[in-house]
Protein backbone atom coordinates (compact mmCIF):
# COMPACT_ATOMS: atom_id res chain seq x y z
CA MET A 1 29.04 48.56 -15.00
CA SER A 2 27.64 49.22 -11.51
CA THR A 3 29.18 47.72 -8.38
CA SER A 4 26.20 45.43 -7.83
CA SER A 5 26.34 44.24 -11.45
CA SER A 6 30.07 43.58 -11.12
CA MET A 7 29.49 41.55 -7.98
CA ARG A 8 26.81 39.45 -9.71
CA VAL A 9 29.16 38.73 -12.59
CA LEU A 10 31.98 37.87 -10.18
CA ILE A 11 29.76 35.50 -8.21
CA LEU A 12 28.68 33.80 -11.43
CA ILE A 13 32.28 33.39 -12.59
CA VAL A 14 33.36 31.99 -9.21
CA ALA A 15 30.43 29.56 -9.22
CA MET A 16 31.25 28.39 -12.74
CA GLY A 17 34.89 27.93 -11.78
CA ALA A 18 33.90 25.79 -8.80
CA VAL A 19 31.87 23.51 -11.04
CA LEU A 20 34.70 23.19 -13.55
CA GLU A 21 37.17 22.31 -10.81
CA LEU A 22 34.87 19.75 -9.24
CA ALA A 23 33.94 17.94 -12.42
CA PRO A 24 37.30 16.22 -13.12
CA GLN A 25 37.61 15.17 -9.48
CA ALA A 26 34.11 13.72 -9.56
CA GLU A 27 34.72 11.30 -12.41
CA ALA A 28 35.13 8.39 -10.01
CA ALA A 29 32.10 9.34 -7.93
CA ARG A 30 29.34 6.76 -7.87
CA ALA A 31 26.59 9.27 -7.15
CA PHE A 32 25.49 12.87 -7.68
CA PHE A 33 23.14 14.68 -5.27
CA ILE A 34 21.33 17.92 -6.04
CA PHE A 35 19.58 20.31 -3.66
CA GLY A 36 17.99 23.66 -4.36
CA ASP A 37 15.45 25.52 -6.48
CA SER A 38 14.14 25.71 -10.06
CA LEU A 39 17.62 26.18 -11.52
CA VAL A 40 18.34 22.54 -10.70
CA ASP A 41 14.90 20.96 -10.22
CA SER A 42 14.62 18.07 -12.69
CA GLY A 43 10.96 17.31 -12.07
CA ASN A 44 10.17 16.94 -8.36
CA ASN A 45 7.49 19.63 -8.55
CA ASN A 46 5.62 17.51 -11.11
CA TYR A 47 4.66 15.29 -8.17
CA LEU A 48 3.47 18.13 -5.92
CA ALA A 49 0.25 20.12 -5.66
CA THR A 50 1.98 23.38 -6.57
CA THR A 51 1.67 26.25 -9.01
CA ALA A 52 5.46 26.22 -9.55
CA ARG A 53 5.43 23.79 -12.45
CA ALA A 54 7.25 23.26 -15.74
CA ASP A 55 5.08 20.52 -17.20
CA SER A 56 3.76 22.29 -20.29
CA PRO A 57 5.26 23.86 -23.45
CA PRO A 58 7.46 25.71 -24.22
CA TYR A 59 9.43 23.98 -21.46
CA GLY A 60 11.39 21.06 -22.89
CA ILE A 61 11.29 22.12 -26.55
CA ASP A 62 15.04 21.48 -26.90
CA PHE A 63 15.15 18.43 -24.62
CA PRO A 64 15.96 15.13 -26.42
CA THR A 65 12.28 14.14 -26.21
CA HIS A 66 11.10 17.69 -27.13
CA ARG A 67 8.59 17.43 -24.28
CA PRO A 68 8.27 19.15 -20.89
CA THR A 69 10.06 17.20 -18.17
CA GLY A 70 9.55 19.36 -15.10
CA ARG A 71 12.85 21.12 -15.75
CA PHE A 72 12.52 24.90 -15.79
CA SER A 73 14.45 24.99 -19.02
CA ASN A 74 14.00 24.61 -22.75
CA GLY A 75 16.42 21.67 -22.64
CA LEU A 76 19.02 20.16 -20.33
CA ASN A 77 19.65 21.88 -17.02
CA LEU A 78 22.87 22.22 -15.03
CA PRO A 79 22.67 18.81 -13.28
CA ASP A 80 22.15 17.13 -16.67
CA ILE A 81 25.22 18.85 -18.11
CA ILE A 82 27.35 17.95 -15.09
CA SER A 83 26.18 14.32 -15.33
CA GLU A 84 27.27 14.24 -18.96
CA GLU A 85 30.66 15.74 -18.09
CA ILE A 86 31.37 13.09 -15.44
CA GLY A 87 30.13 10.29 -17.69
CA SER A 88 27.06 9.45 -15.65
CA GLU A 89 23.38 8.96 -16.37
CA ARG A 90 21.05 11.87 -15.66
CA VAL A 91 20.00 11.93 -12.02
CA LEU A 92 16.31 11.29 -11.43
CA PRO A 93 14.06 13.42 -9.21
CA TYR A 94 13.75 11.84 -5.78
CA LEU A 95 9.94 11.79 -6.07
CA SER A 96 10.04 9.94 -9.38
CA PRO A 97 8.64 6.39 -9.14
CA GLU A 98 11.48 5.34 -11.46
CA LEU A 99 14.09 6.02 -8.77
CA THR A 100 14.38 2.45 -7.48
CA GLY A 101 16.86 -0.40 -7.53
CA GLN A 102 20.12 0.25 -9.36
CA LYS A 103 19.00 3.78 -10.26
CA LEU A 104 19.64 4.69 -6.62
CA LEU A 105 23.36 4.19 -7.21
CA ILE A 106 23.40 7.14 -9.62
CA GLY A 107 22.19 9.55 -6.94
CA ALA A 108 19.08 11.65 -6.55
CA ASN A 109 17.79 15.16 -7.22
CA PHE A 110 15.92 16.70 -4.26
CA ALA A 111 15.52 20.22 -5.68
CA SER A 112 12.16 21.94 -5.78
CA ALA A 113 11.26 25.05 -7.77
CA GLY A 114 10.16 28.05 -5.76
CA ILE A 115 12.13 27.51 -2.58
CA GLY A 116 14.71 29.79 -1.09
CA ILE A 117 17.09 30.11 1.80
CA LEU A 118 14.23 31.51 3.89
CA ASN A 119 11.22 29.42 4.83
CA ASP A 120 8.78 32.18 3.85
CA THR A 121 10.14 32.32 0.30
CA GLY A 122 7.78 30.73 -2.20
CA ILE A 123 4.77 30.43 0.08
CA GLN A 124 2.62 31.61 -2.84
CA PHE A 125 3.39 28.33 -4.65
CA ILE A 126 1.45 26.36 -2.00
CA THR A 127 3.47 23.12 -1.81
CA VAL A 128 7.23 23.03 -2.35
CA ILE A 129 10.05 20.98 -0.84
CA ARG A 130 11.87 23.41 1.40
CA ILE A 131 15.58 22.95 1.92
CA PHE A 132 15.44 21.27 5.31
CA ARG A 133 12.78 18.90 3.97
CA GLN A 134 15.15 18.11 1.10
CA PHE A 135 17.71 17.09 3.69
CA GLU A 136 15.13 14.86 5.37
CA LEU A 137 14.40 13.19 2.04
CA PHE A 138 18.14 12.69 1.60
CA GLN A 139 18.13 10.75 4.88
CA GLN A 140 15.28 8.62 3.53
CA TYR A 141 17.28 8.03 0.36
CA GLN A 142 20.24 6.80 2.40
CA GLN A 143 18.00 4.30 4.18
CA GLN A 144 16.80 2.99 0.83
CA LEU A 145 20.36 2.80 -0.42
CA THR A 146 21.52 0.95 2.69
CA ALA A 147 18.72 -1.58 2.25
CA LEU A 148 19.87 -2.11 -1.35
CA VAL A 149 23.67 -2.40 -1.00
CA GLY A 150 24.41 -2.54 2.72
CA GLU A 151 25.70 0.13 5.07
CA PRO A 152 29.46 0.03 4.21
CA GLN A 153 28.92 0.47 0.47
CA ALA A 154 26.16 3.04 1.01
CA THR A 155 28.48 5.08 3.22
CA ARG A 156 31.29 4.95 0.65
CA LEU A 157 28.93 6.00 -2.14
CA VAL A 158 27.51 8.98 -0.21
CA ASN A 159 30.88 10.14 1.08
CA GLY A 160 32.47 9.98 -2.36
CA ALA A 161 29.66 11.65 -4.27
CA LEU A 162 29.42 15.03 -5.96
CA TYR A 163 27.02 17.55 -4.37
CA LEU A 164 25.37 20.59 -5.93
CA MET A 165 23.26 23.16 -4.05
CA THR A 166 21.65 26.19 -5.69
CA LEU A 167 19.73 28.65 -3.51
CA GLY A 168 19.10 32.36 -3.07
CA GLY A 169 17.57 33.73 -6.26
CA ASN A 170 13.99 33.20 -5.14
CA ASP A 171 14.65 35.02 -1.88
CA PHE A 172 14.93 38.15 -3.98
CA VAL A 173 12.54 37.45 -6.87
CA ASN A 174 9.75 35.73 -4.93
CA ASN A 175 10.20 37.38 -1.57
CA TYR A 176 12.03 40.70 -1.29
CA PHE A 177 10.79 42.06 -4.65
CA LEU A 178 7.49 40.15 -4.67
CA ALA A 179 5.37 43.26 -4.18
CA PRO A 180 6.05 46.99 -4.48
CA ILE A 181 6.56 47.00 -0.71
CA SER A 182 7.09 43.52 0.73
CA GLN A 183 7.54 42.65 4.38
CA ARG A 184 11.20 41.85 3.83
CA SER A 185 11.87 45.10 1.96
CA ARG A 186 10.37 46.98 4.90
CA GLN A 187 12.66 45.11 7.29
CA TYR A 188 15.92 45.33 5.37
CA SER A 189 17.78 47.36 2.80
CA ILE A 190 19.20 45.28 -0.04
CA PRO A 191 22.73 45.11 1.50
CA GLU A 192 21.20 44.18 4.88
CA PHE A 193 19.01 41.54 3.27
CA SER A 194 22.00 40.08 1.43
CA ARG A 195 23.95 39.79 4.68
CA TYR A 196 20.92 38.21 6.35
CA LEU A 197 20.65 35.61 3.57
CA ILE A 198 24.34 34.77 3.88
CA THR A 199 23.91 34.23 7.61
CA GLU A 200 20.88 31.98 7.09
CA PHE A 201 22.61 30.07 4.29
CA ARG A 202 25.56 29.42 6.58
CA LYS A 203 23.13 27.87 9.07
CA ILE A 204 21.77 25.60 6.33
CA LEU A 205 25.25 24.43 5.38
CA LEU A 206 26.22 23.80 8.99
CA ALA A 207 23.00 21.88 9.62
CA LYS A 208 23.69 19.65 6.63
CA PHE A 209 27.43 19.13 6.63
CA ASP A 210 28.76 19.87 10.15
CA ARG A 211 28.03 16.44 11.57
């Protein structure tokens, strides 16, 4: 196995371990919030004018309804599985008209297929919800939640929730390797690009959580 392959496997194992450790602690959480790309998008892109869509077969063939749901999967995706493990209902996409009233207490999924860490990732998909826009929508969600249950309870719910963020794959697939010679591949070698992504991802995390 090559060094790069070993690193990918290690990263996957570490990520899986983090999820397994978080799940038991999250059993008492009143909400679950998801940010990221197609790996965790549960249907937000269905409500956008975008070419990054999962609204036709064979998507959804193994879902309980056997119909496409906007998930980029044949069945349940990672947020669905985590919701089941913590004994919660599946989290609705934030853009879904069904996300109102008591459904807000479950949480919200802000993920959008096609996005990446970098703002120029996924521009070929026309309209997507980039990560900083997802954070803005999260602020809107909190206003809706506060109007529903009041500020003290809304604060407790948000602070005690489980969070999942999945980013980075599209920065390679739909940016660096998008063409035989892309702008990013001319700028950076793969190790340099990886370090650049880590630096930009750190900025995203600080912008969201260092408050």
